[in-house]
Protein backbone atom coordinates (compact mmCIF):
# COMPACT_ATOMS: atom_id res chain seq x y z
CA UNK A 1 0.00 0.00 0.00
CA UNK A 2 1.33 3.46 -0.85
CA UNK A 3 1.21 6.04 1.95
CA UNK A 4 2.23 9.69 1.84
CA UNK A 5 3.53 11.65 4.82
CA UNK A 6 3.28 15.44 4.62
CA UNK A 7 5.30 17.28 7.25
CA UNK A 8 5.02 20.84 8.55
CA UNK A 9 8.10 22.29 10.24
CA UNK A 10 8.22 24.38 13.40
CA UNK A 11 9.32 27.93 12.66
CA UNK A 12 12.54 28.85 14.40
CA UNK A 13 13.90 25.29 14.36
CA UNK A 14 16.10 25.70 11.29
CA UNK A 15 19.14 24.72 13.36
CA UNK A 16 17.74 21.19 13.78
CA UNK A 17 17.66 20.78 9.99
CA UNK A 18 21.16 22.24 9.63
CA UNK A 19 22.77 20.27 12.46
CA UNK A 20 21.04 16.91 12.02
CA UNK A 21 20.56 16.53 8.26
CA UNK A 22 23.22 13.79 8.22
CA UNK A 23 21.28 11.67 10.73
CA UNK A 24 18.03 12.35 8.84
CA UNK A 25 19.52 11.28 5.49
CA UNK A 26 21.08 8.19 7.08
CA UNK A 27 17.64 7.28 8.45
CA UNK A 28 16.07 7.67 5.02
CA UNK A 29 18.81 5.54 3.44
CA UNK A 30 18.42 2.84 6.08
CA UNK A 31 14.68 2.61 5.27
CA UNK A 32 14.87 3.11 1.53
CA UNK A 33 13.06 -0.17 0.94
CA UNK A 34 9.95 1.38 2.58
CA UNK A 35 10.48 5.15 2.13
CA UNK A 36 10.73 5.09 -1.65
CA UNK A 37 11.12 8.84 -2.19
CA UNK A 38 11.44 11.79 0.16
CA UNK A 39 12.30 15.45 0.00
CA UNK A 40 11.93 18.88 1.51
CA UNK A 41 9.13 21.33 0.76
CA UNK A 42 9.62 25.08 0.28
CA UNK A 43 7.07 27.87 -0.11
CA UNK A 44 8.87 29.08 -3.27
CA UNK A 45 12.14 28.38 -5.13
CA UNK A 46 15.15 29.50 -3.12
CA UNK A 47 13.21 29.98 0.12
CA UNK A 48 13.98 28.00 3.28
CA UNK A 49 12.24 24.69 3.92
CA UNK A 50 8.81 24.64 5.54
CA UNK A 51 8.26 20.87 5.64
CA UNK A 52 8.74 17.64 3.75
CA UNK A 53 7.02 14.85 1.86
CA UNK A 54 7.62 11.09 1.85
CA UNK A 55 6.10 8.39 -0.29
CA UNK A 56 6.18 5.02 1.46
CA UNK A 57 5.37 1.47 0.38
CA UNK A 58 4.21 -0.19 3.61
CA UNK A 59 1.60 -2.70 4.74
CA UNK A 60 -0.30 -0.48 7.18
CA UNK A 61 -0.83 2.98 8.61
CA UNK A 62 0.85 1.79 11.82
CA UNK A 63 4.00 0.90 9.90
CA UNK A 64 3.99 4.29 8.18
CA UNK A 65 3.56 6.03 11.55
CA UNK A 66 6.45 4.05 13.07
CA UNK A 67 8.73 5.13 10.21
CA UNK A 68 7.70 8.77 10.54
CA UNK A 69 8.07 8.79 14.31
CA UNK A 70 11.55 7.26 14.15
CA UNK A 71 12.93 10.06 11.98
CA UNK A 72 15.49 12.27 13.75
CA UNK A 73 13.84 15.44 12.43
CA UNK A 74 10.60 14.52 14.21
CA UNK A 75 12.27 13.28 17.38
CA UNK A 76 14.41 16.45 17.65
CA UNK A 77 11.50 18.87 17.26
CA UNK A 78 11.88 20.12 13.68
CA UNK A 79 8.49 18.75 12.68
CA UNK A 80 5.44 20.55 14.04
CA UNK A 81 3.04 17.99 12.63
CA UNK A 82 2.52 15.39 9.96
CA UNK A 83 -0.36 13.88 8.04
CA UNK A 84 -0.53 10.30 6.77
CA UNK A 85 -2.66 9.67 3.71
CA UNK A 86 -3.15 6.73 1.37
CA UNK A 87 -2.18 7.72 -2.16
CA UNK A 88 -3.53 6.19 -5.33
CA UNK A 89 -2.62 7.36 -8.79
CA UNK A 90 -5.12 8.56 -11.36
CA UNK A 91 -6.02 5.83 -13.89
CA UNK A 92 -4.64 7.75 -16.88
CA UNK A 93 -1.07 7.29 -15.57
CA UNK A 94 -1.05 3.49 -15.92
CA UNK A 95 2.15 2.26 -14.22
CA UNK A 96 3.96 4.57 -11.83
CA UNK A 97 7.48 3.55 -10.85
CA UNK A 98 9.09 5.29 -7.92
């Protein structure tokens, strides 16, 4: 099942992103079999990050939540909140490979 996590960052916590990006990227790499694509979100090109988005291939919402809650950015307070949603592609796209 394909789940999407949409993250909103806490304002004023930019130092967490700067200081702990290595641990965050290591976490993503360690779970690449389940977190199939991830990246930061910005309000406009060149502006600082305001959140992030992950696409996960997992068996359940609980598994998706465990992955999200294990991320250093969440544990260290960068993330203000997150939403977990099931994602299904529109039929006109046929096969989607991530």
